[in-house]
């Protein structure tokens, strides 16, 4: 008897990714926040965003420091700065992607 072998390949269709230009991390631990930042940056880049706002709040500064360190070492982050007046000041980091 002949043996039939079937190979199946799953192809993922490319869908347009819809994503907000803002990520709110307030209330999270540093570990949770960094996981979300990594995923968010991947999604933002796939969606073609060139700029995003990451809200870390003012608090103790732990989230702000961790987020900015992560952005500094991310190959797709061209630059980042604190939000300006009306953008959240030093409770927000604005990142330029590309």
PDB file of N, CA and C in Angstrom:
ATOM      1  N   UNK A   1       0.831  -1.201   0.000  1.00  0.00           N
ATOM      2  CA  UNK A   1       0.000   0.000   0.000  1.00  0.00           C
ATOM      3  C   UNK A   1       0.870   1.258   0.000  1.00  0.00           C
ATOM      4  N   UNK A   2       0.491   2.222  -0.785  1.00  0.00           N
ATOM      5  CA  UNK A   2       1.221   3.495  -0.872  1.00  0.00           C
ATOM      6  C   UNK A   2       0.870   4.371   0.326  1.00  0.00           C
ATOM      7  N   UNK A   3       1.868   5.070   0.809  1.00  0.00           N
ATOM      8  CA  UNK A   3       1.655   5.963   1.948  1.00  0.00           C
ATOM      9  C   UNK A   3       1.569   7.393   1.423  1.00  0.00           C
ATOM     10  N   UNK A   4       0.539   8.068   1.819  1.00  0.00           N
ATOM     11  CA  UNK A   4       0.355   9.455   1.395  1.00  0.00           C
ATOM     12  C   UNK A   4       0.860  10.385   2.499  1.00  0.00           C
ATOM     13  N   UNK A   5       1.734  11.271   2.121  1.00  0.00           N
ATOM     14  CA  UNK A   5       2.263  12.228   3.087  1.00  0.00           C
ATOM     15  C   UNK A   5       1.731  13.606   2.720  1.00  0.00           C
ATOM     16  N   UNK A   6       1.205  14.267   3.711  1.00  0.00           N
ATOM     17  CA  UNK A   6       0.652  15.601   3.492  1.00  0.00           C
ATOM     18  C   UNK A   6       1.402  16.617   4.325  1.00  0.00           C
ATOM     19  N   UNK A   7       1.919  17.597   3.701  1.00  0.00           N
ATOM     20  CA  UNK A   7       2.559  18.692   4.427  1.00  0.00           C
ATOM     21  C   UNK A   7       1.621  19.888   4.416  1.00  0.00           C
ATOM     22  N   UNK A   8       1.479  20.498   5.557  1.00  0.00           N
ATOM     23  CA  UNK A   8       0.655  21.704   5.586  1.00  0.00           C
ATOM     24  C   UNK A   8       1.493  22.870   6.085  1.00  0.00           C
ATOM     25  N   UNK A   9       1.255  23.977   5.487  1.00  0.00           N
ATOM     26  CA  UNK A   9       1.970  25.190   5.853  1.00  0.00           C
ATOM     27  C   UNK A   9       0.936  26.243   6.207  1.00  0.00           C
ATOM     28  N   UNK A  10       1.128  26.854   7.353  1.00  0.00           N
ATOM     29  CA  UNK A  10       0.225  27.933   7.753  1.00  0.00           C
ATOM     30  C   UNK A  10       0.823  29.254   7.313  1.00  0.00           C
ATOM     31  N   UNK A  11       0.067  30.013   6.601  1.00  0.00           N
ATOM     32  CA  UNK A  11       0.509  31.333   6.193  1.00  0.00           C
ATOM     33  C   UNK A  11      -0.305  32.362   6.951  1.00  0.00           C
ATOM     34  N   UNK A  12       0.386  33.317   7.481  1.00  0.00           N
ATOM     35  CA  UNK A  12      -0.311  34.368   8.206  1.00  0.00           C
ATOM     36  C   UNK A  12      -0.532  35.519   7.241  1.00  0.00           C
ATOM     37  N   UNK A  13      -1.783  35.909   7.110  1.00  0.00           N
ATOM     38  CA  UNK A  13      -2.057  37.018   6.199  1.00  0.00           C
ATOM     39  C   UNK A  13      -1.595  38.317   6.832  1.00  0.00           C
ATOM     40  N   UNK A  14      -1.154  39.207   5.986  1.00  0.00           N
ATOM     41  CA  UNK A  14      -0.706  40.481   6.545  1.00  0.00           C
ATOM     42  C   UNK A  14      -1.918  41.393   6.651  1.00  0.00           C
ATOM     43  N   UNK A  15      -2.232  41.757   7.843  1.00  0.00           N
ATOM     44  CA  UNK A  15      -3.365  42.631   8.110  1.00  0.00           C
ATOM     45  C   UNK A  15      -2.828  43.993   8.503  1.00  0.00           C
ATOM     46  N   UNK A  16      -3.597  44.992   8.219  1.00  0.00           N
ATOM     47  CA  UNK A  16      -3.206  46.332   8.660  1.00  0.00           C
ATOM     48  C   UNK A  16      -3.293  46.363  10.180  1.00  0.00           C
ATOM     49  N   UNK A  17      -2.241  46.830  10.794  1.00  0.00           N
ATOM     50  CA  UNK A  17      -2.201  46.885  12.250  1.00  0.00           C
ATOM     51  C   UNK A  17      -2.671  48.262  12.690  1.00  0.00           C
ATOM     52  N   UNK A  18      -3.670  48.273  13.555  1.00  0.00           N
ATOM     53  CA  UNK A  18      -4.165  49.543  14.076  1.00  0.00           C
ATOM     54  C   UNK A  18      -3.689  49.672  15.514  1.00  0.00           C
ATOM     55  N   UNK A  19      -3.022  50.763  15.809  1.00  0.00           N
ATOM     56  CA  UNK A  19      -2.442  50.923  17.135  1.00  0.00           C
ATOM     57  C   UNK A  19      -2.504  52.393  17.529  1.00  0.00           C
ATOM     58  N   UNK A  20      -2.688  52.618  18.798  1.00  0.00           N
ATOM     59  CA  UNK A  20      -2.709  53.982  19.321  1.00  0.00           C
ATOM     60  C   UNK A  20      -1.292  54.551  19.306  1.00  0.00           C
ATOM     61  N   UNK A  21      -1.186  55.859  19.231  1.00  0.00           N
ATOM     62  CA  UNK A  21       0.143  56.476  19.289  1.00  0.00           C
ATOM     63  C   UNK A  21       0.545  56.760  20.728  1.00  0.00           C
ATOM     64  N   UNK A  22      -0.175  56.147  21.670  1.00  0.00           N
ATOM     65  CA  UNK A  22       0.062  56.408  23.088  1.00  0.00           C
ATOM     66  C   UNK A  22       0.004  55.103  23.891  1.00  0.00           C
ATOM     67  N   UNK A  23       0.943  54.933  24.811  1.00  0.00           N
ATOM     68  CA  UNK A  23       0.979  53.769  25.698  1.00  0.00           C
ATOM     69  C   UNK A  23       1.002  54.274  27.131  1.00  0.00           C
ATOM     70  N   UNK A  24       0.029  53.849  27.933  1.00  0.00           N
ATOM     71  CA  UNK A  24      -0.076  54.296  29.327  1.00  0.00           C
ATOM     72  C   UNK A  24       0.420  53.188  30.251  1.00  0.00           C
ATOM     73  N   UNK A  25       1.498  53.461  30.979  1.00  0.00           N
ATOM     74  CA  UNK A  25       2.124  52.471  31.858  1.00  0.00           C
ATOM     75  C   UNK A  25       1.874  52.748  33.337  1.00  0.00           C
ATOM     76  N   UNK A  26       1.145  53.801  33.647  1.00  0.00           N
ATOM     77  CA  UNK A  26       0.954  54.182  35.049  1.00  0.00           C
ATOM     78  C   UNK A  26       0.335  53.036  35.842  1.00  0.00           C
ATOM     79  N   UNK A  27       0.889  52.798  37.028  1.00  0.00           N
ATOM     80  CA  UNK A  27       0.372  51.762  37.914  1.00  0.00           C
ATOM     81  C   UNK A  27       1.004  50.392  37.724  1.00  0.00           C
ATOM     82  N   UNK A  28       1.847  50.237  36.713  1.00  0.00           N
ATOM     83  CA  UNK A  28       2.485  48.940  36.468  1.00  0.00           C
ATOM     84  C   UNK A  28       3.815  48.853  37.203  1.00  0.00           C
ATOM     85  N   UNK A  29       4.282  47.627  37.399  1.00  0.00           N
ATOM     86  CA  UNK A  29       5.638  47.447  37.921  1.00  0.00           C
ATOM     87  C   UNK A  29       6.611  47.704  36.768  1.00  0.00           C
ATOM     88  N   UNK A  30       7.874  47.883  37.082  1.00  0.00           N
ATOM     89  CA  UNK A  30       8.883  48.110  36.046  1.00  0.00           C
ATOM     90  C   UNK A  30       8.911  46.926  35.082  1.00  0.00           C
ATOM     91  N   UNK A  31       8.869  45.718  35.616  1.00  0.00           N
ATOM     92  CA  UNK A  31       8.917  44.519  34.767  1.00  0.00           C
ATOM     93  C   UNK A  31       7.728  44.474  33.807  1.00  0.00           C
ATOM     94  N   UNK A  32       6.518  44.714  34.333  1.00  0.00           N
ATOM     95  CA  UNK A  32       5.322  44.717  33.483  1.00  0.00           C
ATOM     96  C   UNK A  32       5.416  45.811  32.425  1.00  0.00           C
ATOM     97  N   UNK A  33       5.877  46.973  32.849  1.00  0.00           N
ATOM     98  CA  UNK A  33       5.966  48.113  31.937  1.00  0.00           C
ATOM     99  C   UNK A  33       6.931  47.832  30.794  1.00  0.00           C
ATOM    100  N   UNK A  34       8.084  47.259  31.095  1.00  0.00           N
ATOM    101  CA  UNK A  34       9.073  46.995  30.051  1.00  0.00           C
ATOM    102  C   UNK A  34       8.582  45.947  29.060  1.00  0.00           C
ATOM    103  N   UNK A  35       7.843  44.950  29.541  1.00  0.00           N
ATOM    104  CA  UNK A  35       7.255  43.957  28.631  1.00  0.00           C
ATOM    105  C   UNK A  35       6.295  44.640  27.668  1.00  0.00           C
ATOM    106  N   UNK A  36       5.477  45.547  28.203  1.00  0.00           N
ATOM    107  CA  UNK A  36       4.515  46.261  27.356  1.00  0.00           C
ATOM    108  C   UNK A  36       5.217  47.207  26.387  1.00  0.00           C
ATOM    109  N   UNK A  37       6.276  47.851  26.840  1.00  0.00           N
ATOM    110  CA  UNK A  37       7.029  48.757  25.961  1.00  0.00           C
ATOM    111  C   UNK A  37       7.601  47.973  24.783  1.00  0.00           C
ATOM    112  N   UNK A  38       8.201  46.824  25.045  1.00  0.00           N
ATOM    113  CA  UNK A  38       8.784  46.013  23.971  1.00  0.00           C
ATOM    114  C   UNK A  38       7.730  45.625  22.938  1.00  0.00           C
ATOM    115  N   UNK A  39       6.598  45.119  23.406  1.00  0.00           N
ATOM    116  CA  UNK A  39       5.529  44.709  22.490  1.00  0.00           C
ATOM    117  C   UNK A  39       4.968  45.916  21.749  1.00  0.00           C
ATOM    118  N   UNK A  40       4.760  47.004  22.485  1.00  0.00           N
ATOM    119  CA  UNK A  40       4.206  48.208  21.874  1.00  0.00           C
ATOM    120  C   UNK A  40       5.123  48.747  20.768  1.00  0.00           C
ATOM    121  N   UNK A  41       6.416  48.805  21.024  1.00  0.00           N
ATOM    122  CA  UNK A  41       7.343  49.317  20.011  1.00  0.00           C
ATOM    123  C   UNK A  41       7.322  48.445  18.759  1.00  0.00           C
ATOM    124  N   UNK A  42       7.278  47.133  18.936  1.00  0.00           N
ATOM    125  CA  UNK A  42       7.180  46.233  17.781  1.00  0.00           C
ATOM    126  C   UNK A  42       5.916  46.530  16.983  1.00  0.00           C
ATOM    127  N   UNK A  43       4.781  46.631  17.687  1.00  0.00           N
ATOM    128  CA  UNK A  43       3.501  46.894  17.026  1.00  0.00           C
ATOM    129  C   UNK A  43       3.489  48.270  16.362  1.00  0.00           C
ATOM    130  N   UNK A  44       4.044  49.265  17.043  1.00  0.00           N
ATOM    131  CA  UNK A  44       4.071  50.629  16.505  1.00  0.00           C
ATOM    132  C   UNK A  44       4.895  50.683  15.221  1.00  0.00           C
ATOM    133  N   UNK A  45       6.010  49.993  15.211  1.00  0.00           N
ATOM    134  CA  UNK A  45       6.855  49.969  14.015  1.00  0.00           C
ATOM    135  C   UNK A  45       6.157  49.247  12.867  1.00  0.00           C
ATOM    136  N   UNK A  46       5.495  48.128  13.176  1.00  0.00           N
ATOM    137  CA  UNK A  46       4.750  47.403  12.143  1.00  0.00           C
ATOM    138  C   UNK A  46       3.628  48.254  11.572  1.00  0.00           C
ATOM    139  N   UNK A  47       3.019  49.078  12.413  1.00  0.00           N
ATOM    140  CA  UNK A  47       1.919  49.937  11.979  1.00  0.00           C
ATOM    141  C   UNK A  47       2.422  51.181  11.251  1.00  0.00           C
ATOM    142  N   UNK A  48       3.728  51.384  11.258  1.00  0.00           N
ATOM    143  CA  UNK A  48       4.291  52.522  10.551  1.00  0.00           C
ATOM    144  C   UNK A  48       4.284  53.834  11.320  1.00  0.00           C
ATOM    145  N   UNK A  49       4.108  53.768  12.636  1.00  0.00           N
ATOM    146  CA  UNK A  49       4.142  55.004  13.424  1.00  0.00           C
ATOM    147  C   UNK A  49       5.555  55.579  13.421  1.00  0.00           C
ATOM    148  N   UNK A  50       5.654  56.878  13.327  1.00  0.00           N
ATOM    149  CA  UNK A  50       6.969  57.513  13.363  1.00  0.00           C
ATOM    150  C   UNK A  50       7.218  58.195  14.703  1.00  0.00           C
ATOM    151  N   UNK A  51       6.153  58.312  15.501  1.00  0.00           N
ATOM    152  CA  UNK A  51       6.268  58.997  16.790  1.00  0.00           C
ATOM    153  C   UNK A  51       5.223  58.421  17.736  1.00  0.00           C
ATOM    154  N   UNK A  52       5.592  58.254  18.997  1.00  0.00           N
ATOM    155  CA  UNK A  52       4.634  57.757  19.980  1.00  0.00           C
ATOM    156  C   UNK A  52       4.885  58.404  21.338  1.00  0.00           C
ATOM    157  N   UNK A  53       3.854  58.370  22.173  1.00  0.00           N
ATOM    158  CA  UNK A  53       3.936  58.917  23.529  1.00  0.00           C
ATOM    159  C   UNK A  53       3.835  57.766  24.516  1.00  0.00           C
ATOM    160  N   UNK A  54       4.766  57.699  25.435  1.00  0.00           N
ATOM    161  CA  UNK A  54       4.740  56.679  26.478  1.00  0.00           C
ATOM    162  C   UNK A  54       4.519  57.396  27.802  1.00  0.00           C
ATOM    163  N   UNK A  55       3.373  57.117  28.422  1.00  0.00           N
ATOM    164  CA  UNK A  55       3.015  57.775  29.676  1.00  0.00           C
ATOM    165  C   UNK A  55       3.486  56.897  30.826  1.00  0.00           C
ATOM    166  N   UNK A  56       4.437  57.402  31.603  1.00  0.00           N
ATOM    167  CA  UNK A  56       4.952  56.643  32.741  1.00  0.00           C
ATOM    168  C   UNK A  56       4.619  57.328  34.052  1.00  0.00           C
ATOM    169  N   UNK A  57       4.115  58.529  34.002  1.00  0.00           N
ATOM    170  CA  UNK A  57       3.787  59.274  35.212  1.00  0.00           C
ATOM    171  C   UNK A  57       5.034  59.868  35.846  1.00  0.00           C
ATOM    172  N   UNK A  58       4.813  60.625  36.889  1.00  0.00           N
ATOM    173  CA  UNK A  58       5.936  61.296  37.565  1.00  0.00           C
ATOM    174  C   UNK A  58       6.423  60.470  38.742  1.00  0.00           C
ATOM    175  N   UNK A  59       5.576  60.107  39.669  1.00  0.00           N
ATOM    176  CA  UNK A  59       5.892  59.212  40.783  1.00  0.00           C
ATOM    177  C   UNK A  59       7.317  59.262  41.291  1.00  0.00           C
ATOM    178  N   UNK A  60       7.874  58.080  41.552  1.00  0.00           N
ATOM    179  CA  UNK A  60       9.235  57.974  42.101  1.00  0.00           C
ATOM    180  C   UNK A  60      10.297  58.098  41.013  1.00  0.00           C
ATOM    181  N   UNK A  61       9.886  57.961  39.773  1.00  0.00           N
ATOM    182  CA  UNK A  61      10.835  58.036  38.662  1.00  0.00           C
ATOM    183  C   UNK A  61      11.345  56.682  38.207  1.00  0.00           C
ATOM    184  N   UNK A  62      10.931  55.601  38.881  1.00  0.00           N
ATOM    185  CA  UNK A  62      11.418  54.264  38.519  1.00  0.00           C
ATOM    186  C   UNK A  62      10.974  53.874  37.109  1.00  0.00           C
ATOM    187  N   UNK A  63       9.690  54.082  36.794  1.00  0.00           N
ATOM    188  CA  UNK A  63       9.203  53.745  35.456  1.00  0.00           C
ATOM    189  C   UNK A  63       9.864  54.626  34.405  1.00  0.00           C
ATOM    190  N   UNK A  64       9.949  55.911  34.687  1.00  0.00           N
ATOM    191  CA  UNK A  64      10.559  56.852  33.741  1.00  0.00           C
ATOM    192  C   UNK A  64      11.987  56.412  33.402  1.00  0.00           C
ATOM    193  N   UNK A  65      12.776  56.122  34.426  1.00  0.00           N
ATOM    194  CA  UNK A  65      14.173  55.719  34.209  1.00  0.00           C
ATOM    195  C   UNK A  65      14.273  54.423  33.421  1.00  0.00           C
ATOM    196  N   UNK A  66      13.446  53.443  33.773  1.00  0.00           N
ATOM    197  CA  UNK A  66      13.490  52.146  33.091  1.00  0.00           C
ATOM    198  C   UNK A  66      13.070  52.281  31.629  1.00  0.00           C
ATOM    199  N   UNK A  67      12.004  53.048  31.388  1.00  0.00           N
ATOM    200  CA  UNK A  67      11.519  53.236  30.021  1.00  0.00           C
ATOM    201  C   UNK A  67      12.570  53.943  29.177  1.00  0.00           C
ATOM    202  N   UNK A  68      13.148  54.989  29.707  1.00  0.00           N
ATOM    203  CA  UNK A  68      14.131  55.749  28.942  1.00  0.00           C
ATOM    204  C   UNK A  68      15.393  54.916  28.673  1.00  0.00           C
ATOM    205  N   UNK A  69      15.791  54.075  29.623  1.00  0.00           N
ATOM    206  CA  UNK A  69      16.938  53.180  29.399  1.00  0.00           C
ATOM    207  C   UNK A  69      16.621  52.187  28.282  1.00  0.00           C
ATOM    208  N   UNK A  70      15.379  51.674  28.270  1.00  0.00           N
ATOM    209  CA  UNK A  70      14.980  50.725  27.225  1.00  0.00           C
ATOM    210  C   UNK A  70      14.971  51.409  25.860  1.00  0.00           C
ATOM    211  N   UNK A  71      14.454  52.627  25.804  1.00  0.00           N
ATOM    212  CA  UNK A  71      14.408  53.358  24.536  1.00  0.00           C
ATOM    213  C   UNK A  71      15.812  53.670  24.027  1.00  0.00           C
ATOM    214  N   UNK A  72      16.695  54.008  24.947  1.00  0.00           N
ATOM    215  CA  UNK A  72      18.071  54.353  24.578  1.00  0.00           C
ATOM    216  C   UNK A  72      18.778  53.191  23.884  1.00  0.00           C
ATOM    217  N   UNK A  73      18.426  51.964  24.265  1.00  0.00           N
ATOM    218  CA  UNK A  73      19.079  50.779  23.712  1.00  0.00           C
ATOM    219  C   UNK A  73      18.296  50.115  22.590  1.00  0.00           C
ATOM    220  N   UNK A  74      17.168  50.696  22.190  1.00  0.00           N
ATOM    221  CA  UNK A  74      16.342  50.089  21.147  1.00  0.00           C
ATOM    222  C   UNK A  74      16.830  50.556  19.773  1.00  0.00           C
ATOM    223  N   UNK A  75      17.131  49.618  18.873  1.00  0.00           N
ATOM    224  CA  UNK A  75      17.703  49.994  17.577  1.00  0.00           C
ATOM    225  C   UNK A  75      16.766  50.812  16.685  1.00  0.00           C
ATOM    226  N   UNK A  76      15.459  50.731  16.910  1.00  0.00           N
ATOM    227  CA  UNK A  76      14.512  51.446  16.057  1.00  0.00           C
ATOM    228  C   UNK A  76      14.029  52.767  16.652  1.00  0.00           C
ATOM    229  N   UNK A  77      14.577  53.162  17.789  1.00  0.00           N
ATOM    230  CA  UNK A  77      14.218  54.449  18.391  1.00  0.00           C
ATOM    231  C   UNK A  77      15.305  55.445  18.015  1.00  0.00           C
ATOM    232  N   UNK A  78      14.920  56.432  17.206  1.00  0.00           N
ATOM    233  CA  UNK A  78      15.895  57.421  16.725  1.00  0.00           C
ATOM    234  C   UNK A  78      16.221  58.450  17.796  1.00  0.00           C
ATOM    235  N   UNK A  79      15.213  58.861  18.545  1.00  0.00           N
ATOM    236  CA  UNK A  79      15.402  59.891  19.571  1.00  0.00           C
ATOM    237  C   UNK A  79      14.211  59.846  20.520  1.00  0.00           C
ATOM    238  N   UNK A  80      14.381  60.444  21.688  1.00  0.00           N
ATOM    239  CA  UNK A  80      13.254  60.576  22.612  1.00  0.00           C
ATOM    240  C   UNK A  80      13.482  61.781  23.506  1.00  0.00           C
ATOM    241  N   UNK A  81      12.379  62.306  24.039  1.00  0.00           N
ATOM    242  CA  UNK A  81      12.452  63.480  24.906  1.00  0.00           C
ATOM    243  C   UNK A  81      11.209  63.521  25.785  1.00  0.00           C
ATOM    244  N   UNK A  82      11.273  64.309  26.842  1.00  0.00           N
ATOM    245  CA  UNK A  82      10.101  64.485  27.689  1.00  0.00           C
ATOM    246  C   UNK A  82       9.027  65.219  26.900  1.00  0.00           C
ATOM    247  N   UNK A  83       7.781  64.995  27.290  1.00  0.00           N
ATOM    248  CA  UNK A  83       6.681  65.712  26.662  1.00  0.00           C
ATOM    249  C   UNK A  83       6.791  67.200  26.956  1.00  0.00           C
ATOM    250  N   UNK A  84       6.325  67.991  26.030  1.00  0.00           N
ATOM    251  CA  UNK A  84       6.350  69.437  26.213  1.00  0.00           C
ATOM    252  C   UNK A  84       5.129  69.901  26.989  1.00  0.00           C
ATOM    253  N   UNK A  85       4.974  71.204  27.126  1.00  0.00           N
ATOM    254  CA  UNK A  85       3.789  71.751  27.788  1.00  0.00           C
ATOM    255  C   UNK A  85       2.530  71.272  27.055  1.00  0.00           C
ATOM    256  N   UNK A  86       1.572  70.781  27.799  1.00  0.00           N
ATOM    257  CA  UNK A  86       0.355  70.258  27.192  1.00  0.00           C
ATOM    258  C   UNK A  86       0.470  68.816  26.733  1.00  0.00           C
ATOM    259  N   UNK A  87       1.667  68.232  26.788  1.00  0.00           N
ATOM    260  CA  UNK A  87       1.875  66.829  26.389  1.00  0.00           C
ATOM    261  C   UNK A  87       2.083  65.920  27.593  1.00  0.00           C
ATOM    262  N   UNK A  88       2.210  66.501  28.777  1.00  0.00           N
ATOM    263  CA  UNK A  88       2.427  65.684  29.964  1.00  0.00           C
ATOM    264  C   UNK A  88       3.750  65.943  30.658  1.00  0.00           C
ATOM    265  N   UNK A  89       4.560  66.839  30.117  1.00  0.00           N
ATOM    266  CA  UNK A  89       5.827  67.187  30.758  1.00  0.00           C
ATOM    267  C   UNK A  89       6.710  65.978  31.008  1.00  0.00           C
ATOM    268  N   UNK A  90       7.324  65.921  32.204  1.00  0.00           N
ATOM    269  CA  UNK A  90       8.243  64.809  32.475  1.00  0.00           C
ATOM    270  C   UNK A  90       7.525  63.536  32.931  1.00  0.00           C
ATOM    271  N   UNK A  91       6.203  63.516  32.842  1.00  0.00           N
ATOM    272  CA  UNK A  91       5.441  62.290  33.088  1.00  0.00           C
ATOM    273  C   UNK A  91       5.233  61.489  31.811  1.00  0.00           C
ATOM    274  N   UNK A  92       5.729  62.040  30.703  1.00  0.00           N
ATOM    275  CA  UNK A  92       5.563  61.422  29.386  1.00  0.00           C
ATOM    276  C   UNK A  92       6.899  61.456  28.651  1.00  0.00           C
ATOM    277  N   UNK A  93       7.203  60.382  27.943  1.00  0.00           N
ATOM    278  CA  UNK A  93       8.358  60.375  27.051  1.00  0.00           C
ATOM    279  C   UNK A  93       7.835  60.213  25.630  1.00  0.00           C
ATOM    280  N   UNK A  94       8.269  61.096  24.753  1.00  0.00           N
ATOM    281  CA  UNK A  94       7.896  61.041  23.343  1.00  0.00           C
ATOM    282  C   UNK A  94       9.066  60.409  22.596  1.00  0.00           C
ATOM    283  N   UNK A  95       8.776  59.355  21.839  1.00  0.00           N
ATOM    284  CA  UNK A  95       9.827  58.647  21.101  1.00  0.00           C
ATOM    285  C   UNK A  95       9.627  58.817  19.602  1.00  0.00           C
ATOM    286  N   UNK A  96      10.723  59.044  18.911  1.00  0.00           N
ATOM    287  CA  UNK A  96      10.735  59.128  17.445  1.00  0.00           C
ATOM    288  C   UNK A  96      11.227  57.774  16.929  1.00  0.00           C
ATOM    289  N   UNK A  97      10.414  57.136  16.094  1.00  0.00           N
ATOM    290  CA  UNK A  97      10.718  55.782  15.619  1.00  0.00           C
ATOM    291  C   UNK A  97      11.161  55.800  14.162  1.00  0.00           C
ATOM    292  N   UNK A  98      11.862  54.748  13.785  1.00  0.00           N
ATOM    293  CA  UNK A  98      12.206  54.650  12.373  1.00  0.00           C
ATOM    294  C   UNK A  98      13.429  53.858  12.092  1.00  0.00           C
TER     295      UNK A  98
END
